[in-house]
Amino acid sequence: MASAFEDDILRSLRRISRAIDLHSRRLAQHCNLTSPQLVCLRYLTTHGECTAGSLARGVSLSQATITGILDRLERRGVIQRQRSQTDRRRVLVSATEEGQRLAQLAPSPLQDRFASRLAALPEAGQQALDEALKQIVTMMEADGLEAAPILMTGDPLQDAGPR
């Protein structure tokens, strides 16, 4: 027997998904970055130089997806890869000056209104919202899914990993 709330919950989830998609499209038009690219660039500017593996873990994306994203960001000149001086097997990734500038100027990956309303909530409200969303993720068995949205404009495989 279906829950009395099933249709309303599904409608809300669809609206959330649609809002995320529309914001991702606006991001791409504004700064010519996909949401996953911006999330990676912001992580690098916040956390500093790291390996691709630690970046993948930090933004909840697969190593294959990160490799494709980094290839595109490097071609654009906003990140650089360098071999570690202490362990030549390790490749370190960092944002260039242009990447830092772009990350600072780019809008938030969250919608501005949502981000400001979230920030206005008391910490307990933010925590309750976080826990409710995590519970939804668990209920949908989506714990293992990549976290950053993949923008579906232009080439649908743009950030879907190696081809």
C-alpha atoms as a PDB file:
ATOM      1  CA  MET A   1       0.000   0.000   0.000  1.00  0.00           C
ATOM      2  CA  ALA A   2       1.403   3.375  -1.038  1.00  0.00           C
ATOM      3  CA  SER A   3       1.882   6.119   1.519  1.00  0.00           C
ATOM      4  CA  ALA A   4      -0.631   8.967   1.493  1.00  0.00           C
ATOM      5  CA  PHE A   5       2.346  11.272   0.959  1.00  0.00           C
ATOM      6  CA  GLU A   6       4.002   9.354  -1.886  1.00  0.00           C
ATOM      7  CA  ASP A   7       2.753  11.567  -4.746  1.00  0.00           C
ATOM      8  CA  ASP A   8       3.565  14.795  -2.889  1.00  0.00           C
ATOM      9  CA  ILE A   9       7.063  13.575  -2.013  1.00  0.00           C
ATOM     10  CA  LEU A  10       7.716  12.514  -5.596  1.00  0.00           C
ATOM     11  CA  ARG A  11       6.500  15.906  -6.847  1.00  0.00           C
ATOM     12  CA  SER A  12       8.810  17.698  -4.382  1.00  0.00           C
ATOM     13  CA  LEU A  13      11.790  15.577  -5.420  1.00  0.00           C
ATOM     14  CA  ARG A  14      11.068  16.332  -9.084  1.00  0.00           C
ATOM     15  CA  ARG A  15      10.878  20.061  -8.360  1.00  0.00           C
ATOM     16  CA  ILE A  16      14.199  19.930  -6.495  1.00  0.00           C
ATOM     17  CA  SER A  17      15.796  18.016  -9.361  1.00  0.00           C
ATOM     18  CA  ARG A  18      14.448  20.503 -11.908  1.00  0.00           C
ATOM     19  CA  ALA A  19      15.651  23.496  -9.870  1.00  0.00           C
ATOM     20  CA  ILE A  20      19.142  21.993  -9.656  1.00  0.00           C
ATOM     21  CA  ASP A  21      19.169  21.366 -13.406  1.00  0.00           C
ATOM     22  CA  LEU A  22      18.067  24.933 -14.212  1.00  0.00           C
ATOM     23  CA  HIS A  23      20.677  26.415 -11.878  1.00  0.00           C
ATOM     24  CA  SER A  24      23.376  24.194 -13.426  1.00  0.00           C
ATOM     25  CA  ARG A  25      22.454  25.497 -16.865  1.00  0.00           C
ATOM     26  CA  ARG A  26      22.675  29.107 -15.633  1.00  0.00           C
ATOM     27  CA  LEU A  27      26.091  28.353 -14.147  1.00  0.00           C
ATOM     28  CA  ALA A  28      27.309  26.990 -17.471  1.00  0.00           C
ATOM     29  CA  GLN A  29      26.090  30.084 -19.292  1.00  0.00           C
ATOM     30  CA  HIS A  30      27.523  32.519 -16.726  1.00  0.00           C
ATOM     31  CA  CYS A  31      31.034  31.126 -16.251  1.00  0.00           C
ATOM     32  CA  ASN A  32      31.327  28.417 -18.907  1.00  0.00           C
ATOM     33  CA  LEU A  33      31.824  25.723 -16.261  1.00  0.00           C
ATOM     34  CA  THR A  34      29.694  22.709 -15.484  1.00  0.00           C
ATOM     35  CA  SER A  35      28.628  22.217 -11.884  1.00  0.00           C
ATOM     36  CA  PRO A  36      31.115  19.359 -11.325  1.00  0.00           C
ATOM     37  CA  GLN A  37      33.931  21.483 -12.773  1.00  0.00           C
ATOM     38  CA  LEU A  38      33.043  24.392 -10.480  1.00  0.00           C
ATOM     39  CA  VAL A  39      32.764  22.100  -7.453  1.00  0.00           C
ATOM     40  CA  CYS A  40      36.262  20.722  -8.194  1.00  0.00           C
ATOM     41  CA  LEU A  41      37.753  24.156  -8.800  1.00  0.00           C
ATOM     42  CA  ARG A  42      36.246  25.535  -5.587  1.00  0.00           C
ATOM     43  CA  TYR A  43      37.550  22.530  -3.651  1.00  0.00           C
ATOM     44  CA  LEU A  44      41.064  23.162  -4.969  1.00  0.00           C
ATOM     45  CA  THR A  45      40.951  26.865  -4.103  1.00  0.00           C
ATOM     46  CA  THR A  46      39.635  26.101  -0.608  1.00  0.00           C
ATOM     47  CA  HIS A  47      41.774  23.060   0.268  1.00  0.00           C
ATOM     48  CA  GLY A  48      44.862  23.794  -1.804  1.00  0.00           C
ATOM     49  CA  GLU A  49      47.066  21.405  -3.720  1.00  0.00           C
ATOM     50  CA  CYS A  50      46.053  17.732  -3.544  1.00  0.00           C
ATOM     51  CA  THR A  51      46.106  14.510  -5.524  1.00  0.00           C
ATOM     52  CA  ALA A  52      43.321  13.628  -7.950  1.00  0.00           C
ATOM     53  CA  GLY A  53      42.313  10.792  -5.620  1.00  0.00           C
ATOM     54  CA  SER A  54      41.888  13.067  -2.609  1.00  0.00           C
ATOM     55  CA  LEU A  55      39.980  15.536  -4.793  1.00  0.00           C
ATOM     56  CA  ALA A  56      37.679  12.711  -5.953  1.00  0.00           C
ATOM     57  CA  ARG A  57      36.995  11.712  -2.338  1.00  0.00           C
ATOM     58  CA  GLY A  58      36.541  15.342  -1.285  1.00  0.00           C
ATOM     59  CA  VAL A  59      33.840  16.049  -3.866  1.00  0.00           C
ATOM     60  CA  SER A  60      32.314  12.533  -3.940  1.00  0.00           C
ATOM     61  CA  LEU A  61      33.084  11.778  -7.581  1.00  0.00           C
ATOM     62  CA  SER A  62      34.767   8.762  -9.134  1.00  0.00           C
ATOM     63  CA  GLN A  63      38.416   8.850 -10.113  1.00  0.00           C
ATOM     64  CA  ALA A  64      37.428   8.400 -13.788  1.00  0.00           C
ATOM     65  CA  THR A  65      35.075  11.384 -13.657  1.00  0.00           C
ATOM     66  CA  ILE A  66      37.700  13.519 -11.910  1.00  0.00           C
ATOM     67  CA  THR A  67      40.268  12.679 -14.584  1.00  0.00           C
ATOM     68  CA  GLY A  68      37.978  13.959 -17.348  1.00  0.00           C
ATOM     69  CA  ILE A  69      37.094  17.085 -15.398  1.00  0.00           C
ATOM     70  CA  LEU A  70      40.758  17.837 -14.664  1.00  0.00           C
ATOM     71  CA  ASP A  71      41.676  17.325 -18.335  1.00  0.00           C
ATOM     72  CA  ARG A  72      39.129  19.972 -19.355  1.00  0.00           C
ATOM     73  CA  LEU A  73      40.072  22.376 -16.545  1.00  0.00           C
ATOM     74  CA  GLU A  74      43.763  22.012 -17.403  1.00  0.00           C
ATOM     75  CA  ARG A  75      43.127  22.715 -21.110  1.00  0.00           C
ATOM     76  CA  ARG A  76      41.298  25.846 -20.021  1.00  0.00           C
ATOM     77  CA  GLY A  77      44.278  26.920 -17.893  1.00  0.00           C
ATOM     78  CA  VAL A  78      42.468  27.045 -14.556  1.00  0.00           C
ATOM     79  CA  ILE A  79      44.269  24.111 -12.912  1.00  0.00           C
ATOM     80  CA  GLN A  80      47.726  22.619 -13.225  1.00  0.00           C
ATOM     81  CA  ARG A  81      49.158  19.184 -12.539  1.00  0.00           C
ATOM     82  CA  GLN A  82      52.697  18.755 -11.261  1.00  0.00           C
ATOM     83  CA  ARG A  83      54.727  15.775 -10.103  1.00  0.00           C
ATOM     84  CA  SER A  84      55.489  15.835  -6.401  1.00  0.00           C
ATOM     85  CA  GLN A  85      59.075  16.815  -5.612  1.00  0.00           C
ATOM     86  CA  THR A  86      59.239  14.279  -2.778  1.00  0.00           C
ATOM     87  CA  ASP A  87      57.499  11.348  -4.519  1.00  0.00           C
ATOM     88  CA  ARG A  88      57.697  11.501  -8.320  1.00  0.00           C
ATOM     89  CA  ARG A  89      54.900   8.907  -8.598  1.00  0.00           C
ATOM     90  CA  ARG A  90      52.370  11.369  -7.164  1.00  0.00           C
ATOM     91  CA  VAL A  91      50.766  14.039  -9.302  1.00  0.00           C
ATOM     92  CA  LEU A  92      49.497  17.085  -7.444  1.00  0.00           C
ATOM     93  CA  VAL A  93      46.660  19.255  -8.718  1.00  0.00           C
ATOM     94  CA  SER A  94      46.250  22.936  -7.904  1.00  0.00           C
ATOM     95  CA  ALA A  95      44.280  25.931  -9.122  1.00  0.00           C
ATOM     96  CA  THR A  96      46.151  28.489 -11.203  1.00  0.00           C
ATOM     97  CA  GLU A  97      45.769  32.219 -10.567  1.00  0.00           C
ATOM     98  CA  GLU A  98      43.122  32.279 -13.300  1.00  0.00           C
ATOM     99  CA  GLY A  99      41.370  29.336 -11.636  1.00  0.00           C
ATOM    100  CA  GLN A 100      41.379  31.086  -8.277  1.00  0.00           C
ATOM    101  CA  ARG A 101      39.961  34.222  -9.880  1.00  0.00           C
ATOM    102  CA  LEU A 102      37.251  32.249 -11.687  1.00  0.00           C
ATOM    103  CA  ALA A 103      36.292  30.320  -8.540  1.00  0.00           C
ATOM    104  CA  GLN A 104      35.985  33.589  -6.634  1.00  0.00           C
ATOM    105  CA  LEU A 105      33.846  35.267  -9.319  1.00  0.00           C
ATOM    106  CA  ALA A 106      31.646  32.270 -10.136  1.00  0.00           C
ATOM    107  CA  PRO A 107      28.241  32.059  -8.504  1.00  0.00           C
ATOM    108  CA  SER A 108      27.683  29.430  -5.837  1.00  0.00           C
ATOM    109  CA  PRO A 109      26.885  25.901  -7.038  1.00  0.00           C
ATOM    110  CA  LEU A 110      23.851  26.300  -4.750  1.00  0.00           C
ATOM    111  CA  GLN A 111      21.155  28.688  -5.839  1.00  0.00           C
ATOM    112  CA  ASP A 112      21.806  32.067  -4.230  1.00  0.00           C
ATOM    113  CA  ARG A 113      18.356  32.318  -2.647  1.00  0.00           C
ATOM    114  CA  PHE A 114      18.614  28.800  -1.262  1.00  0.00           C
ATOM    115  CA  ALA A 115      22.126  29.419   0.073  1.00  0.00           C
ATOM    116  CA  SER A 116      21.098  32.651   1.826  1.00  0.00           C
ATOM    117  CA  ARG A 117      17.953  31.082   3.281  1.00  0.00           C
ATOM    118  CA  LEU A 118      19.972  28.086   4.445  1.00  0.00           C
ATOM    119  CA  ALA A 119      22.526  30.377   6.098  1.00  0.00           C
ATOM    120  CA  ALA A 120      19.672  32.256   7.820  1.00  0.00           C
ATOM    121  CA  LEU A 121      18.448  29.076   9.493  1.00  0.00           C
ATOM    122  CA  PRO A 122      19.720  28.421  12.993  1.00  0.00           C
ATOM    123  CA  GLU A 123      22.418  25.739  13.156  1.00  0.00           C
ATOM    124  CA  ALA A 124      19.900  23.234  14.527  1.00  0.00           C
ATOM    125  CA  GLY A 125      17.642  23.844  11.518  1.00  0.00           C
ATOM    126  CA  GLN A 126      20.549  23.405   9.106  1.00  0.00           C
ATOM    127  CA  GLN A 127      21.518  20.185  10.869  1.00  0.00           C
ATOM    128  CA  ALA A 128      17.914  18.884  10.751  1.00  0.00           C
ATOM    129  CA  LEU A 129      17.721  19.627   7.026  1.00  0.00           C
ATOM    130  CA  ASP A 130      21.079  17.929   6.447  1.00  0.00           C
ATOM    131  CA  GLU A 131      19.950  14.834   8.375  1.00  0.00           C
ATOM    132  CA  ALA A 132      16.604  14.685   6.525  1.00  0.00           C
ATOM    133  CA  LEU A 133      18.345  14.880   3.143  1.00  0.00           C
ATOM    134  CA  LYS A 134      20.852  12.207   4.172  1.00  0.00           C
ATOM    135  CA  GLN A 135      17.937  10.012   5.233  1.00  0.00           C
ATOM    136  CA  ILE A 136      16.347  10.493   1.800  1.00  0.00           C
ATOM    137  CA  VAL A 137      19.641   9.528   0.145  1.00  0.00           C
ATOM    138  CA  THR A 138      19.783   6.372   2.268  1.00  0.00           C
ATOM    139  CA  MET A 139      16.123   5.516   1.621  1.00  0.00           C
ATOM    140  CA  MET A 140      16.717   5.865  -2.127  1.00  0.00           C
ATOM    141  CA  GLU A 141      19.852   3.684  -1.812  1.00  0.00           C
ATOM    142  CA  ALA A 142      21.785   6.500  -3.464  1.00  0.00           C
ATOM    143  CA  ASP A 143      24.702   6.522  -1.002  1.00  0.00           C
ATOM    144  CA  GLY A 144      27.126   5.244  -3.654  1.00  0.00           C
ATOM    145  CA  LEU A 145      26.067   7.625  -6.415  1.00  0.00           C
ATOM    146  CA  GLU A 146      28.336  10.483  -7.441  1.00  0.00           C
ATOM    147  CA  ALA A 147      27.335  13.638  -5.639  1.00  0.00           C
ATOM    148  CA  ALA A 148      28.000  16.415  -8.152  1.00  0.00           C
ATOM    149  CA  PRO A 149      25.324  16.858 -10.807  1.00  0.00           C
ATOM    150  CA  ILE A 150      26.336  16.301 -14.400  1.00  0.00           C
ATOM    151  CA  LEU A 151      25.088  19.071 -16.626  1.00  0.00           C
ATOM    152  CA  MET A 152      23.272  17.678 -19.646  1.00  0.00           C
ATOM    153  CA  THR A 153      23.778  20.506 -22.120  1.00  0.00           C
ATOM    154  CA  GLY A 154      25.840  20.076 -25.241  1.00  0.00           C
ATOM    155  CA  ASP A 155      27.860  16.863 -25.090  1.00  0.00           C
ATOM    156  CA  PRO A 156      26.053  14.529 -22.632  1.00  0.00           C
ATOM    157  CA  LEU A 157      29.352  12.803 -21.834  1.00  0.00           C
ATOM    158  CA  GLN A 158      31.265  16.020 -21.133  1.00  0.00           C
ATOM    159  CA  ASP A 159      32.037  15.158 -17.520  1.00  0.00           C
ATOM    160  CA  ALA A 160      30.975  11.527 -17.466  1.00  0.00           C
ATOM    161  CA  GLY A 161      34.524  10.210 -17.372  1.00  0.00           C
ATOM    162  CA  PRO A 162      36.776   8.784 -20.058  1.00  0.00           C
ATOM    163  CA  ARG A 163      35.331   7.960 -23.435  1.00  0.00           C
END
